[in-house]
């Protein structure tokens, strides 16, 4: 299941005093679940760019604490630096990484801006995707005149902040104003070329970047730029929207590169940029030999790239993420200059590695899982085993789809089976999640049982917690029942249409799915028996039994198909 992760890159107006900078980053890191990725202070700019990631609620809270600490420590009336600035926290963008849309980030940014203005009394502007007006999408419009212009802008129609507008006072003089926004993730990427020519690299960059190149008289490279009626140079747009690019020569590698910032991943995904730069390079007699990602990259960029190249090969994409990412690395030559390690370059993996280690059943070997189940501990138990059987059922259906996609003579059907494998892969992941979730539900019951029960208030709180935990422990295996049932249509389709040599695998999948449903239903019933809300308990059990009846029919139907095909062979 895709985790909800966003990034925040606040810019603080202090780049020289490391004590102040550390105090701000400490405030950010005080929020549980936050991973601080980078702290980049600049002495000349007197500005520090901080990068951190986490789940949305944690990130917005950490951003608020960072803004609050900066306001306490930085006096803007004394600030001087080379970079444009307007406040102690100058800008604070929220950036979707996974499981969150840009629109959701924009809503979060507006809420954060309102909270900063309401609780910290700092005037705030909203920019980029969070802007309330088209003009304020541009940060420069919000920051026009910088800090020195705030006395004039406060209470001025069209110039006043979106939140916290008030007459200019000592408070504003100290904190300045903050601009909060939402933008898409920026991928910094260099495309390696088999040339040392900066001029050719620049020509390729101008071919593809959104801004393009100046139109010149006579269409000649050395001709004078053509101007419009306002005296502005007319540009010939490049082929890639949402990109900026230049060409340069790198002494360290002895090659020229096209250096690109992808500012709109939706308009130009990483793989499309690679393909287009390769096309433009080829047109100029140059070849792209590899790719260098600068900084970090969201997992989705590599998954989309891997799927793209698999589609070009007419290969199934219903395979684990790790394999898809390996295809992306090889296809774009991400490891040409140095080893590309996903655990160090992919934001989601880096965030996961930074968490406190937690033991997951799904991370165990088959033997370790079996031994853990056989031990004296009550969990994992039948609920986790049922979910795992469901995951294996989905895995078998996915396997048959992948084998069918690659079957000799069935080349024209690869997309049909790839789509089925994608669904199976997703179903398997959901059921694997339920393996650990079932054990977590049991642990919630145990935690509720151990709550104090001395006073009447404590007893009431314990009873409420126990009822809630028992309800959750009933709902999780019911989810397993309903999710495992989704395997039957996939398995039936693979029994009927898939590679006949693998039909027995579809049959075993049906058996495993039925066992998953029946086993999970037993857990629904035993946990529902502990609920005080008998109406809710009966409704949950009834849902499970209805699904179990459907599962029995589906299993019988699939096994008849399987037996018939086997008997013909």
Protein backbone atom coordinates (compact mmCIF):
# COMPACT_ATOMS: atom_id res chain seq x y z
CA UNK A 1 0.00 0.00 0.00
CA UNK A 2 1.39 3.40 -1.02
CA UNK A 3 2.50 5.43 1.98
CA UNK A 4 1.48 9.09 2.21
CA UNK A 5 4.68 11.13 2.18
CA UNK A 6 5.36 14.80 1.54
CA UNK A 7 8.53 16.88 1.55
CA UNK A 8 9.04 20.35 2.99
CA UNK A 9 11.87 22.71 1.99
CA UNK A 10 11.68 25.82 4.20
CA UNK A 11 14.22 28.62 3.66
CA UNK A 12 15.26 30.39 6.86
CA UNK A 13 16.89 33.83 6.88
CA UNK A 14 19.98 32.77 8.80
CA UNK A 15 23.01 31.17 7.18
CA UNK A 16 25.88 32.13 9.49
CA UNK A 17 25.00 31.33 13.08
CA UNK A 18 25.05 27.53 13.35
CA UNK A 19 23.62 27.68 16.87
CA UNK A 20 20.46 29.33 15.55
CA UNK A 21 20.28 26.95 12.60
CA UNK A 22 20.68 23.91 14.83
CA UNK A 23 17.97 25.19 17.19
CA UNK A 24 15.56 25.48 14.25
CA UNK A 25 16.35 22.01 12.92
CA UNK A 26 16.05 20.58 16.45
CA UNK A 27 12.52 22.01 16.59
CA UNK A 28 11.73 20.35 13.28
CA UNK A 29 13.17 17.01 14.37
CA UNK A 30 11.23 17.11 17.64
CA UNK A 31 8.23 15.79 15.67
CA UNK A 32 8.10 12.01 15.61
CA UNK A 33 8.24 10.47 12.15
CA UNK A 34 10.26 13.28 10.56
CA UNK A 35 13.40 12.49 8.56
CA UNK A 36 15.77 15.45 8.14
CA UNK A 37 17.42 14.99 4.75
CA UNK A 38 19.55 18.08 4.27
CA UNK A 39 20.63 21.35 5.92
CA UNK A 40 22.35 23.75 3.50
CA UNK A 41 23.48 27.08 5.04
CA UNK A 42 24.85 29.90 2.87
CA UNK A 43 27.07 32.58 4.36
CA UNK A 44 26.82 35.09 1.52
CA UNK A 45 23.06 34.68 1.19
CA UNK A 46 22.64 34.49 4.99
CA UNK A 47 20.04 31.84 4.33
CA UNK A 48 19.63 28.13 5.12
CA UNK A 49 17.63 25.66 3.06
CA UNK A 50 16.32 22.73 5.12
CA UNK A 51 14.82 19.59 3.59
CA UNK A 52 12.75 17.06 5.54
CA UNK A 53 10.11 14.44 4.75
CA UNK A 54 7.45 12.38 6.49
CA UNK A 55 3.73 11.78 6.59
CA UNK A 56 1.64 14.92 5.95
CA UNK A 57 0.49 15.51 9.53
CA UNK A 58 4.02 15.18 10.88
CA UNK A 59 5.54 17.40 8.18
CA UNK A 60 3.04 20.24 8.62
CA UNK A 61 3.55 20.14 12.40
CA UNK A 62 7.34 20.12 11.98
CA UNK A 63 7.11 23.04 9.54
CA UNK A 64 5.04 25.00 12.05
CA UNK A 65 7.56 24.36 14.83
CA UNK A 66 10.43 25.39 12.56
CA UNK A 67 8.65 28.63 11.64
CA UNK A 68 7.91 29.31 15.31
CA UNK A 69 11.52 28.76 16.37
CA UNK A 70 12.84 30.92 13.53
CA UNK A 71 10.50 33.74 14.58
CA UNK A 72 11.85 33.50 18.13
CA UNK A 73 15.52 33.61 17.09
CA UNK A 74 15.76 35.73 13.92
CA UNK A 75 15.27 39.51 13.95
CA UNK A 76 14.59 40.57 10.37
CA UNK A 77 15.25 44.24 11.15
CA UNK A 78 18.92 43.27 11.42
CA UNK A 79 19.08 40.81 8.53
CA UNK A 80 21.27 41.34 5.48
CA UNK A 81 22.10 38.84 2.75
CA UNK A 82 22.55 38.43 -0.98
CA UNK A 83 19.34 36.44 -1.52
CA UNK A 84 15.88 38.03 -1.79
CA UNK A 85 13.97 37.58 1.49
CA UNK A 86 10.86 38.73 3.26
CA UNK A 87 10.77 36.96 6.60
CA UNK A 88 12.54 34.88 9.24
CA UNK A 89 11.04 31.92 7.43
CA UNK A 90 11.08 33.27 3.91
CA UNK A 91 9.39 30.45 1.99
CA UNK A 92 7.90 27.14 3.08
CA UNK A 93 6.78 24.85 0.22
CA UNK A 94 5.05 21.49 0.69
CA UNK A 95 5.82 18.92 -2.00
CA UNK A 96 3.97 15.66 -2.73
CA UNK A 97 6.24 12.60 -2.80
CA UNK A 98 3.89 9.59 -2.68
CA UNK A 99 0.23 8.88 -1.97
CA UNK A 100 -0.62 12.61 -1.90
CA UNK A 101 -1.73 14.88 -4.75
CA UNK A 102 -0.51 18.40 -5.43
CA UNK A 103 -4.04 19.64 -4.75
CA UNK A 104 -3.98 18.02 -1.30
CA UNK A 105 -0.63 19.66 -0.59
CA UNK A 106 -2.08 23.01 -1.64
CA UNK A 107 -4.92 22.61 0.87
CA UNK A 108 -2.40 21.67 3.59
CA UNK A 109 -0.28 24.72 2.70
CA UNK A 110 -3.25 27.06 3.06
CA UNK A 111 -4.15 25.52 6.42
CA UNK A 112 -0.54 25.88 7.56
CA UNK A 113 -0.40 29.51 6.41
CA UNK A 114 -3.59 30.28 8.31
CA UNK A 115 -2.26 28.56 11.44
CA UNK A 116 1.06 30.47 11.27
CA UNK A 117 -0.82 33.75 10.99
CA UNK A 118 -3.37 32.85 13.68
CA UNK A 119 -1.09 31.34 16.33
CA UNK A 120 2.25 33.03 15.65
CA UNK A 121 0.90 36.37 14.37
CA UNK A 122 3.14 36.22 11.31
CA UNK A 123 1.62 37.57 8.07
CA UNK A 124 1.51 34.86 5.40
CA UNK A 125 1.18 34.73 1.64
CA UNK A 126 0.20 31.63 -0.34
CA UNK A 127 2.05 30.89 -3.57
CA UNK A 128 2.42 28.34 -6.39
CA UNK A 129 -0.39 25.71 -6.26
CA UNK A 130 -1.70 27.16 -2.96
CA UNK A 131 -2.14 30.67 -4.37
CA UNK A 132 -5.58 32.27 -4.09
CA UNK A 133 -4.99 34.40 -7.22
CA UNK A 134 -3.18 33.59 -10.48
CA UNK A 135 -0.66 36.38 -9.93
CA UNK A 136 0.47 34.98 -6.60
CA UNK A 137 1.44 31.64 -8.09
CA UNK A 138 4.71 33.47 -8.79
CA UNK A 139 6.84 33.72 -5.65
CA UNK A 140 8.41 36.94 -6.93
CA UNK A 141 4.99 38.62 -6.93
CA UNK A 142 4.36 37.67 -3.30
CA UNK A 143 7.86 38.80 -2.29
CA UNK A 144 7.90 42.01 -4.39
CA UNK A 145 9.94 44.69 -2.63
CA UNK A 146 11.18 42.08 -0.13
CA UNK A 147 11.24 42.77 3.62
CA UNK A 148 11.72 46.52 3.15
CA UNK A 149 8.39 46.84 1.32
CA UNK A 150 6.27 45.30 4.10
CA UNK A 151 5.30 48.64 5.73
CA UNK A 152 3.77 49.70 2.42
CA UNK A 153 2.17 46.31 1.62
CA UNK A 154 0.40 45.68 4.94
CA UNK A 155 -3.27 46.76 4.74
CA UNK A 156 -2.81 47.64 1.06
CA UNK A 157 -5.44 46.10 -1.28
CA UNK A 158 -3.79 43.73 -3.76
CA UNK A 159 -0.50 43.70 -1.85
CA UNK A 160 -1.54 42.65 1.67
CA UNK A 161 -0.89 39.08 2.87
CA UNK A 162 -3.52 36.37 2.50
CA UNK A 163 -3.59 35.74 6.26
CA UNK A 164 -2.63 37.93 9.21
CA UNK A 165 -3.03 41.30 7.49
CA UNK A 166 -2.67 44.12 10.02
CA UNK A 167 -0.97 47.50 10.36
CA UNK A 168 2.83 47.28 10.28
CA UNK A 169 4.08 47.00 13.86
CA UNK A 170 7.07 45.84 15.89
CA UNK A 171 5.97 42.22 15.57
CA UNK A 172 6.00 42.33 11.77
CA UNK A 173 9.24 44.30 11.86
CA UNK A 174 10.88 41.43 13.74
CA UNK A 175 9.44 38.36 11.97
CA UNK A 176 8.73 39.74 8.53
CA UNK A 177 6.24 37.77 6.44
CA UNK A 178 6.27 34.13 5.36
CA UNK A 179 5.24 32.65 2.03
CA UNK A 180 3.72 29.16 2.20
CA UNK A 181 2.98 27.12 -0.89
CA UNK A 182 2.77 23.79 -2.65
CA UNK A 183 4.71 22.72 -5.70
CA UNK A 184 5.54 19.50 -7.44
CA UNK A 185 8.75 17.64 -6.70
CA UNK A 186 11.78 18.92 -8.58
CA UNK A 187 14.06 16.26 -10.06
CA UNK A 188 17.62 17.40 -10.75
CA UNK A 189 19.09 15.12 -13.40
CA UNK A 190 22.13 15.16 -15.70
CA UNK A 191 22.24 13.21 -18.96
CA UNK A 192 25.72 11.97 -19.84
CA UNK A 193 26.84 12.45 -23.44
CA UNK A 194 29.54 10.74 -25.50
CA UNK A 195 31.07 14.12 -26.33
CA UNK A 196 33.23 16.74 -24.66
CA UNK A 197 31.53 19.60 -26.53
CA UNK A 198 29.70 22.05 -24.28
CA UNK A 199 28.29 23.73 -27.40
CA UNK A 200 26.63 20.54 -28.57
CA UNK A 201 25.36 19.79 -25.08
CA UNK A 202 23.85 23.28 -24.94
CA UNK A 203 22.24 22.82 -28.34
CA UNK A 204 20.57 19.61 -27.14
CA UNK A 205 19.46 21.35 -23.93
CA UNK A 206 17.90 24.21 -25.94
CA UNK A 207 16.14 21.66 -28.19
CA UNK A 208 14.27 20.12 -25.27
CA UNK A 209 13.89 22.67 -22.45
CA UNK A 210 10.52 24.41 -22.21
CA UNK A 211 12.00 27.88 -22.71
CA UNK A 212 13.71 26.71 -25.88
CA UNK A 213 16.10 29.03 -27.74
CA UNK A 214 15.96 32.56 -29.24
CA UNK A 215 14.59 32.84 -32.77
CA UNK A 216 17.34 34.24 -34.99
CA UNK A 217 17.27 36.15 -38.25
CA UNK A 218 17.43 33.92 -41.27
CA UNK A 219 17.23 30.85 -39.07
CA UNK A 220 21.01 30.99 -38.64
CA UNK A 221 22.71 30.05 -35.39
CA UNK A 222 24.81 33.24 -35.54
CA UNK A 223 21.95 35.48 -36.67
CA UNK A 224 20.65 38.32 -34.53
CA UNK A 225 17.80 37.45 -32.14
CA UNK A 226 14.37 38.33 -33.52
CA UNK A 227 12.39 40.80 -31.36
CA UNK A 228 8.64 41.30 -31.04
CA UNK A 229 6.87 44.68 -31.16
CA UNK A 230 7.76 45.24 -27.51
CA UNK A 231 11.44 44.58 -28.08
CA UNK A 232 11.33 41.20 -26.35
CA UNK A 233 13.29 38.31 -27.85
CA UNK A 234 11.03 35.74 -29.53
CA UNK A 235 11.72 32.23 -28.29
CA UNK A 236 11.32 28.90 -30.09
CA UNK A 237 9.91 26.58 -27.39
CA UNK A 238 11.57 23.25 -26.65
CA UNK A 239 9.80 19.91 -26.61
CA UNK A 240 9.60 19.23 -22.86
CA UNK A 241 7.12 21.15 -20.70
CA UNK A 242 8.10 21.90 -17.11
CA UNK A 243 11.86 21.61 -17.67
CA UNK A 244 14.91 23.85 -17.46
CA UNK A 245 18.19 22.74 -18.98
CA UNK A 246 21.70 23.79 -19.95
CA UNK A 247 24.77 22.02 -21.31
CA UNK A 248 28.11 21.87 -19.52
CA UNK A 249 31.41 20.02 -19.36
CA UNK A 250 32.39 18.08 -16.22
CA UNK A 251 36.14 17.81 -15.61
CA UNK A 252 35.65 15.04 -13.06
CA UNK A 253 34.06 12.74 -15.64
CA UNK A 254 35.65 14.09 -18.80
CA UNK A 255 32.27 14.36 -20.55
CA UNK A 256 29.63 16.92 -21.42
CA UNK A 257 26.17 16.66 -19.89
CA UNK A 258 22.72 18.08 -20.38
CA UNK A 259 21.85 19.32 -16.89
CA UNK A 260 18.10 19.46 -16.33
CA UNK A 261 15.60 20.40 -13.64
CA UNK A 262 12.24 18.71 -14.10
CA UNK A 263 9.82 21.04 -12.33
CA UNK A 264 6.60 19.35 -13.45
CA UNK A 265 6.78 15.55 -13.21
CA UNK A 266 3.21 15.21 -14.47
CA UNK A 267 4.01 17.04 -17.72
CA UNK A 268 7.44 15.50 -18.15
CA UNK A 269 8.17 12.26 -16.28
CA UNK A 270 11.81 11.26 -15.87
CA UNK A 271 11.63 8.56 -18.53
CA UNK A 272 10.14 10.95 -21.10
CA UNK A 273 12.95 13.42 -20.45
CA UNK A 274 15.48 10.62 -20.99
CA UNK A 275 13.87 9.49 -24.25
CA UNK A 276 13.59 13.04 -25.60
CA UNK A 277 17.14 14.04 -24.72
CA UNK A 278 18.32 10.79 -26.34
CA UNK A 279 16.29 11.64 -29.48
CA UNK A 280 17.61 15.21 -29.65
CA UNK A 281 21.17 14.01 -29.04
CA UNK A 282 20.90 11.39 -31.79
CA UNK A 283 19.67 14.06 -34.21
CA UNK A 284 22.93 15.92 -33.59
CA UNK A 285 25.16 12.86 -33.86
CA UNK A 286 25.53 12.48 -30.10
CA UNK A 287 24.48 9.62 -27.85
CA UNK A 288 23.19 9.62 -24.26
CA UNK A 289 25.33 7.07 -22.43
CA UNK A 290 23.81 7.32 -18.97
CA UNK A 291 21.98 9.40 -16.42
CA UNK A 292 22.97 10.99 -13.11
CA UNK A 293 20.31 11.89 -10.55
CA UNK A 294 21.43 14.73 -8.30
CA UNK A 295 20.00 14.47 -4.81
CA UNK A 296 16.94 12.34 -4.16
CA UNK A 297 14.10 11.02 -6.29
CA UNK A 298 10.55 9.87 -5.46
CA UNK A 299 9.96 6.17 -5.89
CA UNK A 300 7.12 6.80 -8.33
CA UNK A 301 9.53 8.41 -10.84
CA UNK A 302 11.56 5.21 -11.07
CA UNK A 303 8.49 2.95 -11.04
CA UNK A 304 6.93 4.94 -13.90
CA UNK A 305 10.24 4.76 -15.79
CA UNK A 306 10.63 1.01 -15.25
CA UNK A 307 7.06 0.38 -16.39
CA UNK A 308 7.62 2.57 -19.44
CA UNK A 309 10.66 0.60 -20.57
CA UNK A 310 8.95 -2.73 -19.87
CA UNK A 311 6.03 -1.62 -22.03
CA UNK A 312 8.45 -0.73 -24.82
CA UNK A 313 9.80 -4.29 -24.57
CA UNK A 314 6.25 -5.67 -24.46
CA UNK A 315 7.00 -7.23 -21.10
CA UNK A 316 4.65 -7.62 -18.13
CA UNK A 317 4.79 -4.93 -15.46
CA UNK A 318 3.07 -7.09 -12.84
CA UNK A 319 6.33 -7.73 -10.99
CA UNK A 320 7.72 -6.50 -7.64
CA UNK A 321 8.76 -2.85 -7.35
CA UNK A 322 12.40 -3.78 -6.79
CA UNK A 323 12.53 -5.50 -10.18
CA UNK A 324 10.82 -2.57 -11.91
CA UNK A 325 13.34 -0.17 -10.38
CA UNK A 326 16.21 -2.37 -11.57
CA UNK A 327 14.84 -2.08 -15.11
CA UNK A 328 14.73 1.72 -14.74
CA UNK A 329 18.33 1.84 -13.50
CA UNK A 330 19.60 -0.28 -16.40
CA UNK A 331 17.47 1.40 -19.07
CA UNK A 332 18.61 4.93 -18.22
CA UNK A 333 22.16 4.03 -17.19
CA UNK A 334 21.72 5.46 -13.71
CA UNK A 335 24.79 3.59 -12.50
CA UNK A 336 27.16 4.65 -15.31
CA UNK A 337 29.21 7.11 -13.25
CA UNK A 338 28.82 5.49 -9.83
CA UNK A 339 26.68 2.73 -8.28
CA UNK A 340 23.04 3.77 -7.97
CA UNK A 341 21.71 2.52 -4.64
CA UNK A 342 17.91 2.89 -4.34
CA UNK A 343 18.11 2.69 -0.56
CA UNK A 344 20.22 5.88 -0.60
CA UNK A 345 18.57 7.76 -3.49
CA UNK A 346 14.84 6.98 -3.21
CA UNK A 347 13.05 9.16 -0.66
CA UNK A 348 10.63 6.48 0.53
CA UNK A 349 13.42 3.96 1.14
CA UNK A 350 15.56 6.53 2.92
CA UNK A 351 12.66 7.50 5.16
CA UNK A 352 11.94 3.86 5.97
CA UNK A 353 15.58 3.20 6.82
CA UNK A 354 15.61 6.12 9.22
CA UNK A 355 12.77 4.75 11.32
CA UNK A 356 13.20 2.72 14.43
CA UNK A 357 13.49 -0.90 13.40
CA UNK A 358 10.22 -2.72 13.75
CA UNK A 359 9.91 -6.43 13.23
CA UNK A 360 7.52 -7.32 10.43
CA UNK A 361 6.30 -10.82 9.71
CA UNK A 362 6.46 -10.11 5.99
CA UNK A 363 10.18 -9.32 6.26
CA UNK A 364 10.93 -12.77 7.68
CA UNK A 365 12.10 -15.82 5.78
CA UNK A 366 9.54 -18.58 5.27
CA UNK A 367 11.28 -20.63 7.97
CA UNK A 368 11.42 -17.76 10.45
CA UNK A 369 7.74 -16.99 9.90
CA UNK A 370 6.80 -20.63 10.48
CA UNK A 371 8.97 -20.85 13.60
CA UNK A 372 7.55 -17.61 14.98
CA UNK A 373 4.03 -18.95 14.44
CA UNK A 374 4.97 -22.22 16.17
CA UNK A 375 6.39 -20.45 19.24
CA UNK A 376 4.59 -19.88 22.54
CA UNK A 377 3.52 -16.32 21.65
CA UNK A 378 -0.20 -16.01 20.71
CA UNK A 379 0.61 -13.85 17.68
CA UNK A 380 1.02 -14.34 14.81
CA UNK A 381 -1.90 -16.69 14.68
CA UNK A 382 -4.69 -17.81 12.41
CA UNK A 383 -5.54 -14.30 11.22
CA UNK A 384 -2.04 -13.56 9.92
CA UNK A 385 -1.77 -17.05 8.41
CA UNK A 386 -5.10 -16.56 6.62
CA UNK A 387 -3.97 -13.24 5.18
CA UNK A 388 -0.72 -14.84 4.05
CA UNK A 389 -2.60 -17.68 2.33
CA UNK A 390 -4.63 -15.02 0.52
CA UNK A 391 -1.41 -13.27 -0.54
CA UNK A 392 -0.06 -16.59 -1.88
CA UNK A 393 -3.31 -17.13 -3.81
CA UNK A 394 -2.91 -13.70 -5.45
CA UNK A 395 0.77 -14.44 -6.08
CA UNK A 396 -0.08 -17.67 -7.91
CA UNK A 397 -2.60 -15.90 -10.12
CA UNK A 398 -0.03 -13.18 -10.84
CA UNK A 399 2.58 -15.80 -11.70
CA UNK A 400 0.28 -17.45 -14.24
CA UNK A 401 -0.44 -14.04 -15.79
CA UNK A 402 3.26 -13.25 -16.09
CA UNK A 403 4.06 -16.66 -17.59
CA UNK A 404 1.21 -16.19 -20.06
CA UNK A 405 2.45 -12.72 -21.02
CA UNK A 406 5.81 -14.23 -21.96
CA UNK A 407 4.52 -17.42 -23.60
CA UNK A 408 5.94 -18.03 -27.06
CA UNK A 409 3.33 -17.43 -29.75
CA UNK A 410 1.20 -15.22 -27.48
CA UNK A 411 3.18 -12.03 -28.12
CA UNK A 412 0.09 -10.10 -29.20
CA UNK A 413 -1.54 -10.78 -25.83
CA UNK A 414 1.25 -9.48 -23.56
CA UNK A 415 -0.68 -6.32 -22.58
CA UNK A 416 -3.78 -8.33 -21.66
CA UNK A 417 -1.83 -10.51 -19.25
CA UNK A 418 0.34 -7.64 -18.00
CA UNK A 419 -2.78 -5.75 -16.89
CA UNK A 420 -3.99 -8.85 -15.02
CA UNK A 421 -0.56 -9.29 -13.39
CA UNK A 422 -0.67 -5.64 -12.26
CA UNK A 423 -4.00 -6.27 -10.51
CA UNK A 424 -2.66 -9.44 -8.93
CA UNK A 425 0.47 -7.71 -7.70
CA UNK A 426 -1.63 -4.97 -6.09
CA UNK A 427 -3.92 -7.55 -4.47
CA UNK A 428 -0.95 -9.50 -3.12
CA UNK A 429 0.52 -6.33 -1.55
CA UNK A 430 -2.79 -5.50 0.15
CA UNK A 431 -3.03 -8.99 1.64
CA UNK A 432 0.61 -8.91 2.79
CA UNK A 433 -0.21 -5.67 4.61
CA UNK A 434 -3.01 -7.51 6.41
CA UNK A 435 -0.56 -10.18 7.62
CA UNK A 436 1.08 -7.67 9.95
CA UNK A 437 -2.09 -5.68 10.55
CA UNK A 438 -3.80 -8.72 12.07
CA UNK A 439 -1.01 -9.10 14.64
CA UNK A 440 -1.13 -5.35 15.32
CA UNK A 441 -4.89 -5.66 15.99
CA UNK A 442 -4.27 -8.42 18.53
CA UNK A 443 -1.64 -6.25 20.24
CA UNK A 444 -4.18 -3.44 20.55
CA UNK A 445 -6.46 -5.75 22.51
CA UNK A 446 -3.61 -6.75 24.82
CA UNK A 447 -2.72 -3.08 25.39
CA UNK A 448 -6.34 -2.31 26.32
CA UNK A 449 -6.47 -5.26 28.73
CA UNK A 450 -3.39 -3.94 30.51
CA UNK A 451 -4.85 -0.47 31.09
CA UNK A 452 -5.40 0.53 34.76
CA UNK A 453 -8.85 -0.17 36.19
CA UNK A 454 -8.78 1.29 39.69
CA UNK A 455 -11.14 4.27 39.55
CA UNK A 456 -14.51 4.41 37.83
CA UNK A 457 -13.02 6.72 35.17
CA UNK A 458 -10.16 4.29 34.53
CA UNK A 459 -12.58 1.38 34.29
CA UNK A 460 -14.76 3.26 31.80
CA UNK A 461 -11.71 4.24 29.71
CA UNK A 462 -10.44 0.65 29.76
CA UNK A 463 -13.82 -0.76 28.70
CA UNK A 464 -14.11 1.77 25.86
CA UNK A 465 -10.57 1.01 24.66
CA UNK A 466 -11.19 -2.73 24.84
CA UNK A 467 -14.43 -2.45 22.86
CA UNK A 468 -12.70 -0.32 20.19
CA UNK A 469 -9.74 -2.71 19.99
CA UNK A 470 -12.05 -5.74 19.75
CA UNK A 471 -14.05 -4.08 16.99
CA UNK A 472 -10.83 -3.38 15.08
CA UNK A 473 -9.64 -6.94 15.63
CA UNK A 474 -12.92 -8.13 14.10
CA UNK A 475 -12.78 -5.75 11.15
CA UNK A 476 -9.23 -6.72 10.10
CA UNK A 477 -9.96 -10.43 9.42
CA UNK A 478 -13.23 -9.38 7.77
CA UNK A 479 -11.13 -7.20 5.45
CA UNK A 480 -9.00 -10.28 4.79
CA UNK A 481 -12.13 -12.25 3.90
CA UNK A 482 -13.31 -9.61 1.45
CA UNK A 483 -9.87 -8.95 -0.02
CA UNK A 484 -9.04 -12.65 -0.49
CA UNK A 485 -12.32 -13.04 -2.39
CA UNK A 486 -10.94 -10.64 -5.00
CA UNK A 487 -8.45 -13.35 -5.99
CA UNK A 488 -11.15 -15.64 -7.40
CA UNK A 489 -11.99 -13.65 -10.58
CA UNK A 490 -8.26 -13.35 -11.34
CA UNK A 491 -7.68 -17.07 -10.77
CA UNK A 492 -10.70 -18.05 -12.83
CA UNK A 493 -9.53 -15.91 -15.74
CA UNK A 494 -6.07 -17.46 -15.55
CA UNK A 495 -7.53 -20.99 -15.38
CA UNK A 496 -9.62 -20.31 -18.49
CA UNK A 497 -7.28 -18.12 -20.57
CA UNK A 498 -3.82 -18.46 -19.09
CA UNK A 499 -0.94 -20.69 -20.07
CA UNK A 500 -2.40 -24.23 -19.95
CA UNK A 501 0.87 -25.57 -18.54
CA UNK A 502 0.25 -23.47 -15.41
CA UNK A 503 -3.44 -24.27 -14.92
CA UNK A 504 -2.68 -26.34 -11.80
CA UNK A 505 -1.15 -23.21 -10.23
CA UNK A 506 -4.44 -21.39 -10.72
CA UNK A 507 -6.17 -24.33 -9.00
CA UNK A 508 -3.81 -24.23 -6.02
CA UNK A 509 -4.45 -20.47 -5.87
CA UNK A 510 -8.19 -21.12 -5.61
CA UNK A 511 -7.62 -23.58 -2.77
CA UNK A 512 -5.41 -21.08 -0.94
CA UNK A 513 -7.92 -18.25 -1.43
CA UNK A 514 -10.77 -20.39 -0.06
CA UNK A 515 -8.63 -21.38 2.95
CA UNK A 516 -7.82 -17.69 3.50
CA UNK A 517 -11.50 -16.79 3.50
CA UNK A 518 -12.57 -19.63 5.81
CA UNK A 519 -9.67 -19.06 8.20
CA UNK A 520 -10.21 -15.31 8.42
CA UNK A 521 -13.96 -15.87 9.00
CA UNK A 522 -13.15 -17.99 12.05
CA UNK A 523 -11.21 -15.00 13.42
CA UNK A 524 -14.11 -12.68 12.66
CA UNK A 525 -16.44 -14.91 14.67
CA UNK A 526 -14.19 -15.43 17.69
CA UNK A 527 -13.37 -11.71 17.96
CA UNK A 528 -16.96 -10.62 17.36
CA UNK A 529 -18.00 -12.78 20.32
CA UNK A 530 -16.15 -10.33 22.57
CA UNK A 531 -18.06 -7.28 21.37
CA UNK A 532 -20.66 -5.76 23.66
CA UNK A 533 -22.41 -4.19 20.68
CA UNK A 534 -24.19 -7.36 19.59
CA UNK A 535 -25.90 -5.74 16.60
CA UNK A 536 -22.54 -4.70 15.19
CA UNK A 537 -21.08 -8.14 15.92
CA UNK A 538 -23.89 -9.94 14.12
CA UNK A 539 -23.64 -7.62 11.12
CA UNK A 540 -19.90 -8.23 10.78
CA UNK A 541 -20.28 -12.00 11.02
CA UNK A 542 -23.12 -11.97 8.47
CA UNK A 543 -20.94 -10.04 6.00
CA UNK A 544 -18.20 -12.61 6.44
CA UNK A 545 -20.51 -15.58 5.99
CA UNK A 546 -21.99 -14.14 2.80
CA UNK A 547 -18.51 -13.76 1.36
CA UNK A 548 -17.54 -17.26 2.48
CA UNK A 549 -20.53 -18.68 0.59
CA UNK A 550 -19.44 -16.82 -2.53
CA UNK A 551 -15.90 -18.14 -2.06
CA UNK A 552 -17.12 -21.75 -1.88
CA UNK A 553 -18.94 -21.41 -5.21
CA UNK A 554 -15.98 -19.65 -6.83
CA UNK A 555 -13.52 -22.30 -5.64
CA UNK A 556 -15.69 -25.15 -7.00
CA UNK A 557 -16.10 -23.41 -10.34
CA UNK A 558 -12.36 -22.84 -10.75
CA UNK A 559 -11.44 -26.39 -9.73
CA UNK A 560 -13.88 -27.82 -12.31
CA UNK A 561 -12.20 -25.71 -15.01
CA UNK A 562 -8.74 -26.80 -13.84
CA UNK A 563 -9.64 -30.49 -13.72
CA UNK A 564 -11.21 -30.34 -17.20
CA UNK A 565 -8.10 -28.75 -18.74
CA UNK A 566 -5.76 -31.19 -16.98
CA UNK A 567 -7.82 -34.16 -18.19
CA UNK A 568 -7.49 -32.96 -21.82
CA UNK A 569 -3.69 -32.86 -21.63
